[in-house]
Amino acid sequence: MSKPPAILLDLDGTLADSRAGIEGCFKFMLSALGHDPATAGDLTELVGPPIAVSIRTLLGRYGDDRIDLGLRTYRAHYSEVALYDVAAFPGIGDMLATLRASGRRLCVATAKRRDFAERVVAYLGFSEMLPTVYGALPGGGLDDKKDLIAELLRAEGYDPAGTIMVGDRHHDIHAAQANGLRAIGVLWGYGGEAELRRAGADMLANAPVDVARLVAA
């Protein structure tokens, strides 16, 4: 039996506009660790990458190496307060419905911790269309997105040749390439066209409605 083709979908910046909640958590963490969030500078580049990478980068601006404490502080606040400071980007519901009707399997592949991602998907009302969610593990496993996708492909039995990654940051594109997948970069997220082109995205989608057309190309 041939393996099914699938669409792997990033969460933050692709399906969900979670910037406000994530940036709020960064600022809370900085305050809790004794830093002034007002001097942190632009946080855009920190929204979307694996959270440990973002926290290391952010704390590095203050010469602070307490990465584990920063992670614990961030995740506690995120889980209790900021997780629901999120909304689906316009057109995402219709995009998912169209992709699902095409017969492909849909799966979330996110750097966010898996239990958090499942809660966000449920909050957005997408659990029926996105019943399969993969993310980082609570103990730090699968933090690297290329490893996450490799495990997802192995566990689900998806055919790499027919599977496409859809995401907004260079991490999504590079992880797809490392696993032999084509990648669609989305321009409504946090990475931007220049980042996605440099990363080598196979295709770019200006809006959610374009994704189904590109998948079929």
N, C-alpha and C. Protein backbone atom coordinates (compact mmCIF):
# COMPACT_ATOMS: atom_id res chain seq x y z
N MET A 1 0.85 -1.19 0.00
CA MET A 1 0.00 0.00 0.00
C MET A 1 0.89 1.25 0.00
N SER A 2 0.57 2.20 -0.88
CA SER A 2 1.36 3.43 -0.95
C SER A 2 1.07 4.31 0.26
N LYS A 3 2.09 5.05 0.67
CA LYS A 3 1.94 5.95 1.80
C LYS A 3 1.15 7.19 1.37
N PRO A 4 0.33 7.75 2.26
CA PRO A 4 -0.50 8.90 1.88
C PRO A 4 0.31 10.18 1.81
N PRO A 5 -0.01 11.07 0.85
CA PRO A 5 0.60 12.39 0.84
C PRO A 5 -0.03 13.23 1.95
N ALA A 6 0.68 14.24 2.40
CA ALA A 6 0.16 15.05 3.51
C ALA A 6 0.61 16.49 3.37
N ILE A 7 -0.08 17.36 4.08
CA ILE A 7 0.29 18.76 4.22
C ILE A 7 0.64 18.99 5.68
N LEU A 8 1.86 19.42 5.94
CA LEU A 8 2.30 19.75 7.29
C LEU A 8 2.19 21.26 7.47
N LEU A 9 1.54 21.68 8.52
CA LEU A 9 1.24 23.09 8.71
C LEU A 9 1.87 23.62 9.99
N ASP A 10 2.69 24.65 9.85
CA ASP A 10 3.20 25.36 11.01
C ASP A 10 2.02 26.03 11.72
N LEU A 11 2.20 26.35 13.00
CA LEU A 11 1.10 26.95 13.76
C LEU A 11 1.27 28.46 13.89
N ASP A 12 2.23 28.91 14.71
CA ASP A 12 2.42 30.35 14.94
C ASP A 12 2.93 31.03 13.67
N GLY A 13 2.19 32.02 13.21
CA GLY A 13 2.59 32.76 12.02
C GLY A 13 2.09 32.16 10.72
N THR A 14 1.49 30.98 10.79
CA THR A 14 0.95 30.34 9.59
C THR A 14 -0.56 30.14 9.73
N LEU A 15 -0.97 29.42 10.76
CA LEU A 15 -2.40 29.27 11.05
C LEU A 15 -2.88 30.33 12.04
N ALA A 16 -2.04 30.63 13.01
CA ALA A 16 -2.47 31.46 14.13
C ALA A 16 -1.62 32.72 14.27
N ASP A 17 -2.29 33.84 14.49
CA ASP A 17 -1.61 35.09 14.82
C ASP A 17 -1.46 35.14 16.34
N SER A 18 -0.33 34.70 16.81
CA SER A 18 -0.08 34.57 18.25
C SER A 18 0.97 35.55 18.74
N ARG A 19 1.28 36.52 17.92
CA ARG A 19 2.39 37.43 18.23
C ARG A 19 2.18 38.17 19.55
N ALA A 20 1.00 38.70 19.79
CA ALA A 20 0.77 39.49 21.00
C ALA A 20 1.02 38.67 22.26
N GLY A 21 0.50 37.44 22.28
CA GLY A 21 0.68 36.60 23.45
C GLY A 21 2.12 36.20 23.67
N ILE A 22 2.82 35.87 22.59
CA ILE A 22 4.22 35.45 22.71
C ILE A 22 5.10 36.61 23.14
N GLU A 23 4.91 37.77 22.54
CA GLU A 23 5.71 38.93 22.93
C GLU A 23 5.41 39.33 24.37
N GLY A 24 4.14 39.21 24.78
CA GLY A 24 3.80 39.50 26.17
C GLY A 24 4.51 38.57 27.13
N CYS A 25 4.66 37.30 26.74
CA CYS A 25 5.38 36.33 27.58
C CYS A 25 6.87 36.67 27.66
N PHE A 26 7.45 37.08 26.55
CA PHE A 26 8.85 37.48 26.58
C PHE A 26 9.07 38.62 27.57
N LYS A 27 8.18 39.59 27.52
CA LYS A 27 8.32 40.76 28.40
C LYS A 27 8.10 40.38 29.86
N PHE A 28 7.14 39.50 30.10
CA PHE A 28 6.92 39.02 31.47
C PHE A 28 8.16 38.30 31.99
N MET A 29 8.73 37.44 31.16
CA MET A 29 9.92 36.70 31.55
C MET A 29 11.07 37.65 31.87
N LEU A 30 11.27 38.65 31.04
CA LEU A 30 12.35 39.60 31.28
C LEU A 30 12.17 40.31 32.62
N SER A 31 10.95 40.75 32.88
CA SER A 31 10.68 41.42 34.15
C SER A 31 10.93 40.49 35.32
N ALA A 32 10.48 39.24 35.20
CA ALA A 32 10.64 38.28 36.29
C ALA A 32 12.11 37.98 36.57
N LEU A 33 12.95 38.10 35.54
CA LEU A 33 14.38 37.85 35.71
C LEU A 33 15.17 39.13 36.01
N GLY A 34 14.45 40.22 36.22
CA GLY A 34 15.09 41.46 36.65
C GLY A 34 15.55 42.38 35.55
N HIS A 35 15.02 42.21 34.35
CA HIS A 35 15.42 43.04 33.22
C HIS A 35 14.29 44.00 32.84
N ASP A 36 14.64 45.07 32.15
CA ASP A 36 13.66 46.05 31.68
C ASP A 36 13.21 45.66 30.28
N PRO A 37 11.96 45.22 30.11
CA PRO A 37 11.50 44.80 28.78
C PRO A 37 11.53 45.93 27.75
N ALA A 38 11.46 47.16 28.22
CA ALA A 38 11.43 48.29 27.28
C ALA A 38 12.73 48.43 26.50
N THR A 39 13.81 47.81 26.99
CA THR A 39 15.10 47.91 26.30
C THR A 39 15.40 46.67 25.47
N ALA A 40 14.42 45.80 25.29
CA ALA A 40 14.66 44.53 24.58
C ALA A 40 14.83 44.71 23.08
N GLY A 41 14.32 45.81 22.53
CA GLY A 41 14.38 46.01 21.10
C GLY A 41 13.27 45.26 20.37
N ASP A 42 13.43 45.12 19.07
CA ASP A 42 12.41 44.47 18.24
C ASP A 42 12.37 42.97 18.52
N LEU A 43 11.17 42.47 18.79
CA LEU A 43 11.00 41.05 19.13
C LEU A 43 10.52 40.20 17.95
N THR A 44 10.36 40.81 16.80
CA THR A 44 9.77 40.11 15.66
C THR A 44 10.52 38.82 15.33
N GLU A 45 11.86 38.89 15.29
CA GLU A 45 12.63 37.71 14.89
C GLU A 45 12.49 36.56 15.88
N LEU A 46 11.98 36.83 17.08
CA LEU A 46 11.89 35.81 18.11
C LEU A 46 10.57 35.06 18.09
N VAL A 47 9.62 35.53 17.29
CA VAL A 47 8.30 34.90 17.22
C VAL A 47 8.32 33.86 16.10
N GLY A 48 8.23 32.60 16.49
CA GLY A 48 8.20 31.53 15.49
C GLY A 48 9.30 30.50 15.62
N PRO A 49 10.57 30.90 15.89
CA PRO A 49 11.61 29.89 16.08
C PRO A 49 11.37 29.05 17.33
N PRO A 50 12.08 27.93 17.49
CA PRO A 50 11.97 27.17 18.74
C PRO A 50 12.18 28.09 19.93
N ILE A 51 11.36 27.92 20.96
CA ILE A 51 11.33 28.88 22.05
C ILE A 51 12.66 28.96 22.79
N ALA A 52 13.37 27.85 22.91
CA ALA A 52 14.67 27.88 23.58
C ALA A 52 15.66 28.76 22.82
N VAL A 53 15.60 28.71 21.49
CA VAL A 53 16.47 29.55 20.66
C VAL A 53 16.12 31.01 20.87
N SER A 54 14.83 31.33 20.88
CA SER A 54 14.40 32.72 21.04
C SER A 54 14.79 33.26 22.41
N ILE A 55 14.60 32.46 23.44
CA ILE A 55 14.93 32.93 24.80
C ILE A 55 16.44 33.10 24.96
N ARG A 56 17.22 32.20 24.38
CA ARG A 56 18.67 32.36 24.43
C ARG A 56 19.09 33.66 23.75
N THR A 57 18.49 33.94 22.61
CA THR A 57 18.80 35.17 21.88
C THR A 57 18.39 36.40 22.68
N LEU A 58 17.18 36.35 23.24
CA LEU A 58 16.67 37.50 23.98
C LEU A 58 17.49 37.77 25.24
N LEU A 59 17.74 36.74 26.02
CA LEU A 59 18.52 36.93 27.24
C LEU A 59 19.96 37.34 26.93
N GLY A 60 20.45 36.91 25.77
CA GLY A 60 21.79 37.30 25.37
C GLY A 60 21.93 38.80 25.20
N ARG A 61 20.84 39.47 24.88
CA ARG A 61 20.88 40.93 24.76
C ARG A 61 21.16 41.60 26.10
N TYR A 62 20.92 40.85 27.17
CA TYR A 62 21.15 41.37 28.53
C TYR A 62 22.36 40.72 29.19
N GLY A 63 23.09 39.90 28.44
CA GLY A 63 24.21 39.20 29.02
C GLY A 63 23.80 38.19 30.08
N ASP A 64 22.62 37.61 29.93
CA ASP A 64 22.05 36.69 30.91
C ASP A 64 22.04 35.28 30.31
N ASP A 65 22.64 34.33 31.04
CA ASP A 65 22.71 32.96 30.52
C ASP A 65 21.75 32.00 31.23
N ARG A 66 20.74 32.54 31.92
CA ARG A 66 19.81 31.68 32.66
C ARG A 66 18.70 31.17 31.73
N ILE A 67 19.10 30.38 30.76
CA ILE A 67 18.16 29.93 29.72
C ILE A 67 17.07 29.03 30.31
N ASP A 68 17.46 28.07 31.15
CA ASP A 68 16.48 27.15 31.72
C ASP A 68 15.46 27.88 32.58
N LEU A 69 15.92 28.83 33.39
CA LEU A 69 14.99 29.62 34.21
C LEU A 69 14.08 30.45 33.32
N GLY A 70 14.64 31.02 32.27
CA GLY A 70 13.82 31.78 31.34
C GLY A 70 12.75 30.93 30.69
N LEU A 71 13.12 29.71 30.29
CA LEU A 71 12.16 28.79 29.69
C LEU A 71 11.03 28.45 30.66
N ARG A 72 11.39 28.12 31.89
CA ARG A 72 10.37 27.76 32.87
C ARG A 72 9.43 28.93 33.13
N THR A 73 10.00 30.11 33.25
CA THR A 73 9.20 31.31 33.52
C THR A 73 8.27 31.62 32.36
N TYR A 74 8.81 31.55 31.16
CA TYR A 74 8.01 31.80 29.96
C TYR A 74 6.86 30.81 29.86
N ARG A 75 7.18 29.53 29.99
CA ARG A 75 6.16 28.50 29.76
C ARG A 75 5.06 28.53 30.81
N ALA A 76 5.41 28.83 32.06
CA ALA A 76 4.39 28.91 33.11
C ALA A 76 3.42 30.04 32.81
N HIS A 77 3.96 31.19 32.42
CA HIS A 77 3.09 32.34 32.12
C HIS A 77 2.29 32.08 30.85
N TYR A 78 2.92 31.48 29.85
CA TYR A 78 2.23 31.21 28.60
C TYR A 78 1.05 30.26 28.84
N SER A 79 1.28 29.20 29.58
CA SER A 79 0.24 28.20 29.82
C SER A 79 -0.94 28.78 30.59
N GLU A 80 -0.65 29.66 31.56
CA GLU A 80 -1.70 30.17 32.43
C GLU A 80 -2.41 31.39 31.86
N VAL A 81 -1.70 32.20 31.07
CA VAL A 81 -2.24 33.51 30.69
C VAL A 81 -2.30 33.72 29.18
N ALA A 82 -1.18 33.53 28.50
CA ALA A 82 -1.04 34.05 27.14
C ALA A 82 -1.43 33.07 26.04
N LEU A 83 -1.62 31.81 26.37
CA LEU A 83 -1.89 30.82 25.34
C LEU A 83 -3.11 31.18 24.50
N TYR A 84 -4.09 31.79 25.13
CA TYR A 84 -5.34 32.10 24.42
C TYR A 84 -5.37 33.51 23.84
N ASP A 85 -4.24 34.21 23.90
CA ASP A 85 -4.13 35.51 23.24
C ASP A 85 -3.72 35.26 21.80
N VAL A 86 -4.65 34.71 21.04
CA VAL A 86 -4.35 34.21 19.70
C VAL A 86 -5.62 34.22 18.87
N ALA A 87 -5.47 34.37 17.56
CA ALA A 87 -6.61 34.30 16.63
C ALA A 87 -6.13 33.68 15.33
N ALA A 88 -7.02 33.01 14.65
CA ALA A 88 -6.67 32.48 13.33
C ALA A 88 -6.53 33.64 12.34
N PHE A 89 -5.55 33.54 11.46
CA PHE A 89 -5.45 34.53 10.40
C PHE A 89 -6.69 34.44 9.51
N PRO A 90 -7.15 35.55 8.94
CA PRO A 90 -8.31 35.52 8.05
C PRO A 90 -8.10 34.53 6.90
N GLY A 91 -9.11 33.74 6.64
CA GLY A 91 -9.07 32.81 5.52
C GLY A 91 -8.51 31.44 5.84
N ILE A 92 -8.02 31.24 7.06
CA ILE A 92 -7.40 29.95 7.40
C ILE A 92 -8.43 28.83 7.45
N GLY A 93 -9.60 29.10 8.02
CA GLY A 93 -10.64 28.07 8.08
C GLY A 93 -11.01 27.55 6.70
N ASP A 94 -11.20 28.47 5.75
CA ASP A 94 -11.53 28.07 4.38
C ASP A 94 -10.37 27.32 3.74
N MET A 95 -9.14 27.76 4.01
CA MET A 95 -7.98 27.07 3.46
C MET A 95 -7.93 25.62 3.94
N LEU A 96 -8.13 25.41 5.23
CA LEU A 96 -8.10 24.05 5.78
C LEU A 96 -9.21 23.19 5.18
N ALA A 97 -10.39 23.77 5.04
CA ALA A 97 -11.51 23.01 4.47
C ALA A 97 -11.21 22.58 3.03
N THR A 98 -10.61 23.49 2.25
CA THR A 98 -10.28 23.17 0.86
C THR A 98 -9.20 22.10 0.78
N LEU A 99 -8.17 22.23 1.63
CA LEU A 99 -7.11 21.23 1.62
C LEU A 99 -7.63 19.86 2.05
N ARG A 100 -8.48 19.86 3.05
CA ARG A 100 -9.03 18.60 3.53
C ARG A 100 -9.90 17.94 2.46
N ALA A 101 -10.66 18.76 1.72
CA ALA A 101 -11.52 18.22 0.66
C ALA A 101 -10.72 17.65 -0.49
N SER A 102 -9.45 18.04 -0.61
CA SER A 102 -8.60 17.53 -1.69
C SER A 102 -8.16 16.09 -1.44
N GLY A 103 -8.39 15.60 -0.21
CA GLY A 103 -8.05 14.22 0.12
C GLY A 103 -6.70 14.04 0.78
N ARG A 104 -5.96 15.11 0.95
CA ARG A 104 -4.66 15.00 1.61
C ARG A 104 -4.84 14.98 3.13
N ARG A 105 -3.89 14.34 3.80
CA ARG A 105 -3.87 14.36 5.26
C ARG A 105 -3.34 15.71 5.73
N LEU A 106 -3.90 16.26 6.78
CA LEU A 106 -3.43 17.53 7.35
C LEU A 106 -2.85 17.27 8.72
N CYS A 107 -1.72 17.89 8.99
CA CYS A 107 -1.05 17.67 10.27
C CYS A 107 -0.34 18.95 10.69
N VAL A 108 -0.48 19.33 11.94
CA VAL A 108 0.26 20.48 12.47
C VAL A 108 1.66 20.02 12.84
N ALA A 109 2.66 20.80 12.41
CA ALA A 109 4.06 20.55 12.76
C ALA A 109 4.63 21.87 13.27
N THR A 110 4.76 21.98 14.57
CA THR A 110 5.12 23.27 15.18
C THR A 110 6.27 23.12 16.17
N ALA A 111 7.05 24.19 16.31
CA ALA A 111 8.11 24.23 17.33
C ALA A 111 7.53 24.45 18.72
N LYS A 112 6.27 24.84 18.79
CA LYS A 112 5.60 25.01 20.09
C LYS A 112 5.47 23.65 20.77
N ARG A 113 5.48 23.65 22.09
CA ARG A 113 5.31 22.40 22.81
C ARG A 113 3.99 21.75 22.41
N ARG A 114 4.00 20.45 22.24
CA ARG A 114 2.86 19.75 21.65
C ARG A 114 1.57 19.95 22.45
N ASP A 115 1.64 19.86 23.78
CA ASP A 115 0.41 20.02 24.57
C ASP A 115 -0.14 21.42 24.45
N PHE A 116 0.73 22.43 24.36
CA PHE A 116 0.27 23.81 24.15
C PHE A 116 -0.37 23.94 22.77
N ALA A 117 0.27 23.35 21.77
CA ALA A 117 -0.25 23.45 20.40
C ALA A 117 -1.63 22.82 20.28
N GLU A 118 -1.82 21.68 20.93
CA GLU A 118 -3.14 21.03 20.88
C GLU A 118 -4.21 21.92 21.50
N ARG A 119 -3.86 22.62 22.57
CA ARG A 119 -4.82 23.52 23.20
C ARG A 119 -5.15 24.71 22.30
N VAL A 120 -4.16 25.23 21.60
CA VAL A 120 -4.39 26.34 20.68
C VAL A 120 -5.28 25.90 19.52
N VAL A 121 -4.97 24.74 18.95
CA VAL A 121 -5.78 24.23 17.83
C VAL A 121 -7.23 24.05 18.27
N ALA A 122 -7.44 23.52 19.46
CA ALA A 122 -8.81 23.35 19.97
C ALA A 122 -9.48 24.69 20.20
N TYR A 123 -8.74 25.65 20.76
CA TYR A 123 -9.30 26.98 21.02
C TYR A 123 -9.74 27.66 19.73
N LEU A 124 -8.98 27.47 18.66
CA LEU A 124 -9.31 28.09 17.38
C LEU A 124 -10.45 27.36 16.66
N GLY A 125 -10.86 26.20 17.19
CA GLY A 125 -11.96 25.46 16.58
C GLY A 125 -11.54 24.58 15.42
N PHE A 126 -10.26 24.22 15.36
CA PHE A 126 -9.73 23.48 14.21
C PHE A 126 -9.45 22.01 14.51
N SER A 127 -9.84 21.52 15.67
CA SER A 127 -9.46 20.16 16.04
C SER A 127 -10.02 19.11 15.08
N GLU A 128 -11.21 19.32 14.56
CA GLU A 128 -11.80 18.33 13.65
C GLU A 128 -11.00 18.25 12.35
N MET A 129 -10.57 19.41 11.83
CA MET A 129 -9.81 19.43 10.58
C MET A 129 -8.33 19.11 10.80
N LEU A 130 -7.86 19.32 12.04
CA LEU A 130 -6.45 19.10 12.36
C LEU A 130 -6.33 18.19 13.58
N PRO A 131 -6.72 16.94 13.43
CA PRO A 131 -6.70 16.03 14.58
C PRO A 131 -5.30 15.58 14.97
N THR A 132 -4.33 15.76 14.07
CA THR A 132 -2.97 15.30 14.33
C THR A 132 -2.06 16.50 14.54
N VAL A 133 -1.45 16.58 15.72
CA VAL A 133 -0.59 17.71 16.08
C VAL A 133 0.74 17.18 16.59
N TYR A 134 1.82 17.65 15.99
CA TYR A 134 3.16 17.33 16.47
C TYR A 134 3.85 18.62 16.90
N GLY A 135 4.54 18.54 18.03
CA GLY A 135 5.29 19.67 18.54
C GLY A 135 6.40 19.19 19.43
N ALA A 136 7.13 20.15 20.01
CA ALA A 136 8.22 19.79 20.92
C ALA A 136 7.67 19.08 22.15
N LEU A 137 8.50 18.26 22.77
CA LEU A 137 8.11 17.50 23.95
C LEU A 137 8.44 18.29 25.21
N PRO A 138 7.68 18.08 26.30
CA PRO A 138 7.90 18.86 27.52
C PRO A 138 9.33 18.82 28.05
N GLY A 139 10.03 17.71 27.88
CA GLY A 139 11.39 17.60 28.39
C GLY A 139 12.45 18.18 27.48
N GLY A 140 12.02 18.74 26.36
CA GLY A 140 12.97 19.34 25.43
C GLY A 140 13.21 18.52 24.18
N GLY A 141 12.61 17.34 24.05
CA GLY A 141 12.77 16.54 22.86
C GLY A 141 12.07 17.15 21.66
N LEU A 142 12.64 16.91 20.47
CA LEU A 142 12.09 17.38 19.19
C LEU A 142 12.03 18.90 19.11
N ASP A 143 12.92 19.59 19.83
CA ASP A 143 12.98 21.05 19.73
C ASP A 143 13.44 21.48 18.34
N ASP A 144 14.30 20.68 17.72
CA ASP A 144 14.78 20.99 16.37
C ASP A 144 13.72 20.55 15.37
N LYS A 145 13.27 21.48 14.54
CA LYS A 145 12.14 21.16 13.67
C LYS A 145 12.46 20.08 12.65
N LYS A 146 13.69 19.98 12.21
CA LYS A 146 14.00 18.91 11.26
C LYS A 146 13.84 17.55 11.93
N ASP A 147 14.17 17.44 13.21
CA ASP A 147 13.97 16.19 13.94
C ASP A 147 12.49 15.93 14.17
N LEU A 148 11.75 16.99 14.43
CA LEU A 148 10.30 16.86 14.62
C LEU A 148 9.64 16.30 13.36
N ILE A 149 10.00 16.85 12.22
CA ILE A 149 9.39 16.39 10.96
C ILE A 149 9.83 14.97 10.64
N ALA A 150 11.06 14.64 10.92
CA ALA A 150 11.53 13.27 10.69
C ALA A 150 10.73 12.28 11.52
N GLU A 151 10.48 12.62 12.78
CA GLU A 151 9.69 11.74 13.65
C GLU A 151 8.25 11.66 13.17
N LEU A 152 7.70 12.78 12.75
CA LEU A 152 6.32 12.82 12.25
C LEU A 152 6.17 11.91 11.04
N LEU A 153 7.10 12.04 10.09
CA LEU A 153 7.03 11.21 8.88
C LEU A 153 7.13 9.73 9.22
N ARG A 154 8.02 9.42 10.16
CA ARG A 154 8.19 8.02 10.56
C ARG A 154 6.93 7.48 11.23
N ALA A 155 6.39 8.24 12.19
CA ALA A 155 5.26 7.77 12.98
C ALA A 155 3.97 7.69 12.17
N GLU A 156 3.76 8.65 11.29
CA GLU A 156 2.51 8.71 10.53
C GLU A 156 2.59 7.96 9.20
N GLY A 157 3.79 7.65 8.76
CA GLY A 157 3.93 6.93 7.50
C GLY A 157 3.64 7.76 6.27
N TYR A 158 3.81 9.09 6.38
CA TYR A 158 3.57 9.95 5.22
C TYR A 158 4.67 9.77 4.18
N ASP A 159 4.31 9.91 2.93
CA ASP A 159 5.26 9.79 1.83
C ASP A 159 5.98 11.13 1.65
N PRO A 160 7.29 11.21 1.90
CA PRO A 160 8.00 12.48 1.75
C PRO A 160 7.87 13.07 0.35
N ALA A 161 7.83 12.21 -0.65
CA ALA A 161 7.77 12.70 -2.03
C ALA A 161 6.47 13.45 -2.31
N GLY A 162 5.43 13.13 -1.58
CA GLY A 162 4.14 13.79 -1.82
C GLY A 162 3.71 14.72 -0.70
N THR A 163 4.59 14.95 0.27
CA THR A 163 4.24 15.75 1.44
C THR A 163 4.85 17.14 1.32
N ILE A 164 4.10 18.15 1.71
CA ILE A 164 4.52 19.54 1.60
C ILE A 164 4.44 20.20 2.97
N MET A 165 5.46 20.98 3.30
CA MET A 165 5.48 21.79 4.52
C MET A 165 5.02 23.20 4.19
N VAL A 166 4.15 23.75 5.03
CA VAL A 166 3.67 25.12 4.86
C VAL A 166 4.06 25.91 6.11
N GLY A 167 4.85 26.95 5.95
CA GLY A 167 5.29 27.71 7.11
C GLY A 167 5.73 29.11 6.76
N ASP A 168 6.01 29.91 7.80
CA ASP A 168 6.31 31.33 7.59
C ASP A 168 7.75 31.71 7.91
N ARG A 169 8.56 30.78 8.46
CA ARG A 169 9.93 31.13 8.85
C ARG A 169 10.95 30.22 8.16
N HIS A 170 12.20 30.65 8.16
CA HIS A 170 13.24 29.85 7.50
C HIS A 170 13.42 28.50 8.17
N HIS A 171 13.08 28.40 9.46
CA HIS A 171 13.17 27.11 10.15
C HIS A 171 12.27 26.07 9.48
N ASP A 172 11.08 26.51 9.05
CA ASP A 172 10.15 25.59 8.39
C ASP A 172 10.71 25.11 7.07
N ILE A 173 11.30 26.04 6.31
CA ILE A 173 11.82 25.68 4.99
C ILE A 173 13.03 24.75 5.12
N HIS A 174 13.93 25.09 6.02
CA HIS A 174 15.13 24.27 6.19
C HIS A 174 14.79 22.87 6.73
N ALA A 175 13.82 22.80 7.63
CA ALA A 175 13.41 21.50 8.17
C ALA A 175 12.78 20.64 7.08
N ALA A 176 11.99 21.27 6.21
CA ALA A 176 11.41 20.53 5.08
C ALA A 176 12.51 20.01 4.16
N GLN A 177 13.46 20.86 3.82
CA GLN A 177 14.55 20.46 2.93
C GLN A 177 15.35 19.31 3.50
N ALA A 178 15.57 19.35 4.82
CA ALA A 178 16.36 18.29 5.47
C ALA A 178 15.67 16.94 5.40
N ASN A 179 14.36 16.96 5.18
CA ASN A 179 13.59 15.72 5.13
C ASN A 179 13.05 15.39 3.74
N GLY A 180 13.56 16.11 2.73
CA GLY A 180 13.17 15.81 1.35
C GLY A 180 11.78 16.26 0.97
N LEU A 181 11.25 17.27 1.65
CA LEU A 181 9.91 17.77 1.36
C LEU A 181 9.97 19.06 0.55
N ARG A 182 8.94 19.30 -0.24
CA ARG A 182 8.76 20.63 -0.81
C ARG A 182 8.21 21.55 0.28
N ALA A 183 8.41 22.86 0.10
CA ALA A 183 7.98 23.80 1.12
C ALA A 183 7.30 25.02 0.50
N ILE A 184 6.19 25.40 1.08
CA ILE A 184 5.49 26.64 0.72
C ILE A 184 5.72 27.65 1.83
N GLY A 185 6.26 28.81 1.47
CA GLY A 185 6.42 29.89 2.43
C GLY A 185 5.22 30.82 2.37
N VAL A 186 4.67 31.18 3.52
CA VAL A 186 3.49 32.04 3.54
C VAL A 186 3.90 33.46 3.91
N LEU A 187 3.34 34.43 3.20
CA LEU A 187 3.77 35.82 3.32
C LEU A 187 2.95 36.63 4.30
N TRP A 188 1.95 36.01 4.93
CA TRP A 188 1.17 36.75 5.94
C TRP A 188 1.72 36.55 7.35
N GLY A 189 2.76 35.76 7.48
CA GLY A 189 3.29 35.45 8.81
C GLY A 189 4.38 36.41 9.25
N TYR A 190 5.35 35.89 10.00
CA TYR A 190 6.33 36.75 10.67
C TYR A 190 7.70 36.75 9.99
N GLY A 191 7.91 35.89 9.02
CA GLY A 191 9.23 35.80 8.41
C GLY A 191 9.48 36.80 7.30
N GLY A 192 8.51 36.92 6.41
CA GLY A 192 8.65 37.85 5.30
C GLY A 192 9.25 37.21 4.06
N GLU A 193 9.04 37.87 2.93
CA GLU A 193 9.44 37.32 1.64
C GLU A 193 10.94 37.13 1.53
N ALA A 194 11.72 38.10 1.98
CA ALA A 194 13.17 38.00 1.83
C ALA A 194 13.72 36.80 2.58
N GLU A 195 13.25 36.59 3.81
CA GLU A 195 13.71 35.45 4.61
C GLU A 195 13.36 34.14 3.94
N LEU A 196 12.14 34.04 3.43
CA LEU A 196 11.68 32.79 2.83
C LEU A 196 12.40 32.50 1.51
N ARG A 197 12.66 33.53 0.74
CA ARG A 197 13.41 33.33 -0.51
C ARG A 197 14.85 32.90 -0.22
N ARG A 198 15.49 33.54 0.76
CA ARG A 198 16.85 33.15 1.12
C ARG A 198 16.91 31.70 1.59
N ALA A 199 15.85 31.28 2.28
CA ALA A 199 15.81 29.90 2.79
C ALA A 199 15.60 28.88 1.69
N GLY A 200 15.08 29.33 0.55
CA GLY A 200 14.90 28.42 -0.58
C GLY A 200 13.52 27.81 -0.68
N ALA A 201 12.48 28.54 -0.22
CA ALA A 201 11.11 28.04 -0.34
C ALA A 201 10.81 27.71 -1.80
N ASP A 202 10.16 26.57 -2.03
CA ASP A 202 9.82 26.17 -3.39
C ASP A 202 8.75 27.05 -4.00
N MET A 203 7.83 27.51 -3.14
CA MET A 203 6.71 28.34 -3.59
C MET A 203 6.40 29.34 -2.49
N LEU A 204 5.76 30.47 -2.87
CA LEU A 204 5.33 31.48 -1.91
C LEU A 204 3.83 31.71 -2.08
N ALA A 205 3.13 31.81 -0.96
CA ALA A 205 1.68 32.06 -0.97
C ALA A 205 1.42 33.44 -0.39
N ASN A 206 0.76 34.28 -1.15
CA ASN A 206 0.42 35.62 -0.68
C ASN A 206 -0.71 35.62 0.34
N ALA A 207 -1.61 34.67 0.20
CA ALA A 207 -2.80 34.58 1.07
C ALA A 207 -3.18 33.13 1.21
N PRO A 208 -3.95 32.79 2.28
CA PRO A 208 -4.34 31.39 2.48
C PRO A 208 -5.02 30.76 1.27
N VAL A 209 -5.77 31.54 0.54
CA VAL A 209 -6.48 30.99 -0.62
C VAL A 209 -5.52 30.44 -1.67
N ASP A 210 -4.27 30.93 -1.67
CA ASP A 210 -3.30 30.48 -2.67
C ASP A 210 -2.71 29.11 -2.36
N VAL A 211 -2.80 28.67 -1.10
CA VAL A 211 -2.10 27.45 -0.70
C VAL A 211 -2.64 26.23 -1.43
N ALA A 212 -3.95 26.09 -1.53
CA ALA A 212 -4.52 24.91 -2.19
C ALA A 212 -4.10 24.86 -3.66
N ARG A 213 -4.05 26.02 -4.30
CA ARG A 213 -3.61 26.06 -5.70
C ARG A 213 -2.15 25.63 -5.83
N LEU A 214 -1.31 26.09 -4.93
CA LEU A 214 0.10 25.74 -4.99
C LEU A 214 0.31 24.26 -4.66
N VAL A 215 -0.46 23.73 -3.76
CA VAL A 215 -0.35 22.31 -3.41
C VAL A 215 -0.65 21.45 -4.62
N ALA A 216 -1.60 21.87 -5.42
CA ALA A 216 -2.01 21.10 -6.58
C ALA A 216 -1.09 21.29 -7.79
N ALA A 217 -0.20 22.28 -7.71
CA ALA A 217 0.67 22.59 -8.85
C ALA A 217 1.70 21.50 -9.10
